[in-house]
Amino acid sequence: MIWIGGIFMNDKNITVYKILAWIGIILMGVASFLACLGNTPAMVTAGNVILILSIIITTWGFTYWRP
């Protein structure tokens, strides 16, 4: 058990945050291509929204899992 930010973290909790960090990174890559190469304004807007969500997910994952 590891003490991080006022809570005890075990290996199961850290694995969840590791997966969140990886999902956020993959979403960031997909969303950046969609935002840059979208043919319609709707695709560009969807890419921007997904990019913002991926930044939030990645930050949340890396807050608790520090490689």
C-alpha atoms as a PDB file:
ATOM      1  CA  MET A   1       0.000   0.000   0.000  1.00  0.00           C
ATOM      2  CA  ILE A   2       1.235   3.437  -0.920  1.00  0.00           C
ATOM      3  CA  TRP A   3       0.118   6.712   0.680  1.00  0.00           C
ATOM      4  CA  ILE A   4      -0.712   9.236  -2.071  1.00  0.00           C
ATOM      5  CA  GLY A   5      -2.633  12.460  -1.599  1.00  0.00           C
ATOM      6  CA  GLY A   6      -4.396  11.459   1.585  1.00  0.00           C
ATOM      7  CA  ILE A   7      -5.502   8.005   0.405  1.00  0.00           C
ATOM      8  CA  PHE A   8      -3.896   4.591   0.422  1.00  0.00           C
ATOM      9  CA  MET A   9      -3.268   3.201  -3.050  1.00  0.00           C
ATOM     10  CA  ASN A  10      -2.863  -0.496  -3.706  1.00  0.00           C
ATOM     11  CA  ASP A  11      -1.827  -2.166  -6.955  1.00  0.00           C
ATOM     12  CA  LYS A  12      -5.428  -2.498  -8.162  1.00  0.00           C
ATOM     13  CA  ASN A  13      -6.085   1.241  -7.830  1.00  0.00           C
ATOM     14  CA  ILE A  14      -2.829   2.129  -9.540  1.00  0.00           C
ATOM     15  CA  THR A  15      -3.687  -0.209 -12.437  1.00  0.00           C
ATOM     16  CA  VAL A  16      -6.987   1.628 -12.955  1.00  0.00           C
ATOM     17  CA  TYR A  17      -5.231   4.980 -13.137  1.00  0.00           C
ATOM     18  CA  LYS A  18      -2.552   3.552 -15.436  1.00  0.00           C
ATOM     19  CA  ILE A  19      -5.287   2.397 -17.827  1.00  0.00           C
ATOM     20  CA  LEU A  20      -6.948   5.818 -17.639  1.00  0.00           C
ATOM     21  CA  ALA A  21      -3.660   7.508 -18.491  1.00  0.00           C
ATOM     22  CA  TRP A  22      -3.119   5.256 -21.526  1.00  0.00           C
ATOM     23  CA  ILE A  23      -6.710   5.723 -22.742  1.00  0.00           C
ATOM     24  CA  GLY A  24      -6.277   9.479 -22.454  1.00  0.00           C
ATOM     25  CA  ILE A  25      -3.050   9.396 -24.468  1.00  0.00           C
ATOM     26  CA  ILE A  26      -4.610   7.300 -27.242  1.00  0.00           C
ATOM     27  CA  LEU A  27      -7.700   9.526 -27.348  1.00  0.00           C
ATOM     28  CA  MET A  28      -5.446  12.559 -27.544  1.00  0.00           C
ATOM     29  CA  GLY A  29      -3.731  11.218 -30.641  1.00  0.00           C
ATOM     30  CA  VAL A  30      -6.975  10.319 -32.389  1.00  0.00           C
ATOM     31  CA  ALA A  31      -8.647  13.607 -31.481  1.00  0.00           C
ATOM     32  CA  SER A  32      -5.717  15.721 -32.627  1.00  0.00           C
ATOM     33  CA  PHE A  33      -5.819  14.102 -36.069  1.00  0.00           C
ATOM     34  CA  LEU A  34      -9.586  14.547 -36.205  1.00  0.00           C
ATOM     35  CA  ALA A  35      -9.351  18.199 -35.180  1.00  0.00           C
ATOM     36  CA  CYS A  36      -6.601  18.965 -37.695  1.00  0.00           C
ATOM     37  CA  LEU A  37      -7.809  16.922 -40.659  1.00  0.00           C
ATOM     38  CA  GLY A  38     -11.585  17.122 -40.267  1.00  0.00           C
ATOM     39  CA  ASN A  39     -13.449  17.951 -43.482  1.00  0.00           C
ATOM     40  CA  THR A  40     -16.444  19.620 -41.884  1.00  0.00           C
ATOM     41  CA  PRO A  41     -16.755  22.065 -38.999  1.00  0.00           C
ATOM     42  CA  ALA A  42     -18.645  19.393 -37.046  1.00  0.00           C
ATOM     43  CA  MET A  43     -15.707  16.974 -37.297  1.00  0.00           C
ATOM     44  CA  VAL A  44     -13.264  19.674 -36.210  1.00  0.00           C
ATOM     45  CA  THR A  45     -15.485  20.592 -33.256  1.00  0.00           C
ATOM     46  CA  ALA A  46     -15.853  16.923 -32.276  1.00  0.00           C
ATOM     47  CA  GLY A  47     -12.066  16.554 -32.425  1.00  0.00           C
ATOM     48  CA  ASN A  48     -11.608  19.598 -30.210  1.00  0.00           C
ATOM     49  CA  VAL A  49     -14.134  18.335 -27.661  1.00  0.00           C
ATOM     50  CA  ILE A  50     -12.554  14.874 -27.564  1.00  0.00           C
ATOM     51  CA  LEU A  51      -9.127  16.501 -27.228  1.00  0.00           C
ATOM     52  CA  ILE A  52     -10.250  18.475 -24.183  1.00  0.00           C
ATOM     53  CA  LEU A  53     -11.777  15.334 -22.631  1.00  0.00           C
ATOM     54  CA  SER A  54      -8.605  13.368 -23.297  1.00  0.00           C
ATOM     55  CA  ILE A  55      -6.534  16.020 -21.539  1.00  0.00           C
ATOM     56  CA  ILE A  56      -8.802  15.738 -18.497  1.00  0.00           C
ATOM     57  CA  ILE A  57      -8.667  11.911 -18.528  1.00  0.00           C
ATOM     58  CA  THR A  58      -4.877  11.883 -18.940  1.00  0.00           C
ATOM     59  CA  THR A  59      -4.398  14.393 -16.134  1.00  0.00           C
ATOM     60  CA  TRP A  60      -6.655  12.350 -13.873  1.00  0.00           C
ATOM     61  CA  GLY A  61      -4.715   9.156 -14.632  1.00  0.00           C
ATOM     62  CA  PHE A  62      -1.259  10.686 -14.206  1.00  0.00           C
ATOM     63  CA  THR A  63      -2.266  12.413 -10.961  1.00  0.00           C
ATOM     64  CA  TYR A  64      -2.238   9.071  -9.157  1.00  0.00           C
ATOM     65  CA  TRP A  65      -0.004   6.950 -11.401  1.00  0.00           C
ATOM     66  CA  ARG A  66       3.455   8.385 -11.795  1.00  0.00           C
ATOM     67  CA  PRO A  67       5.675   6.201 -13.988  1.00  0.00           C
END
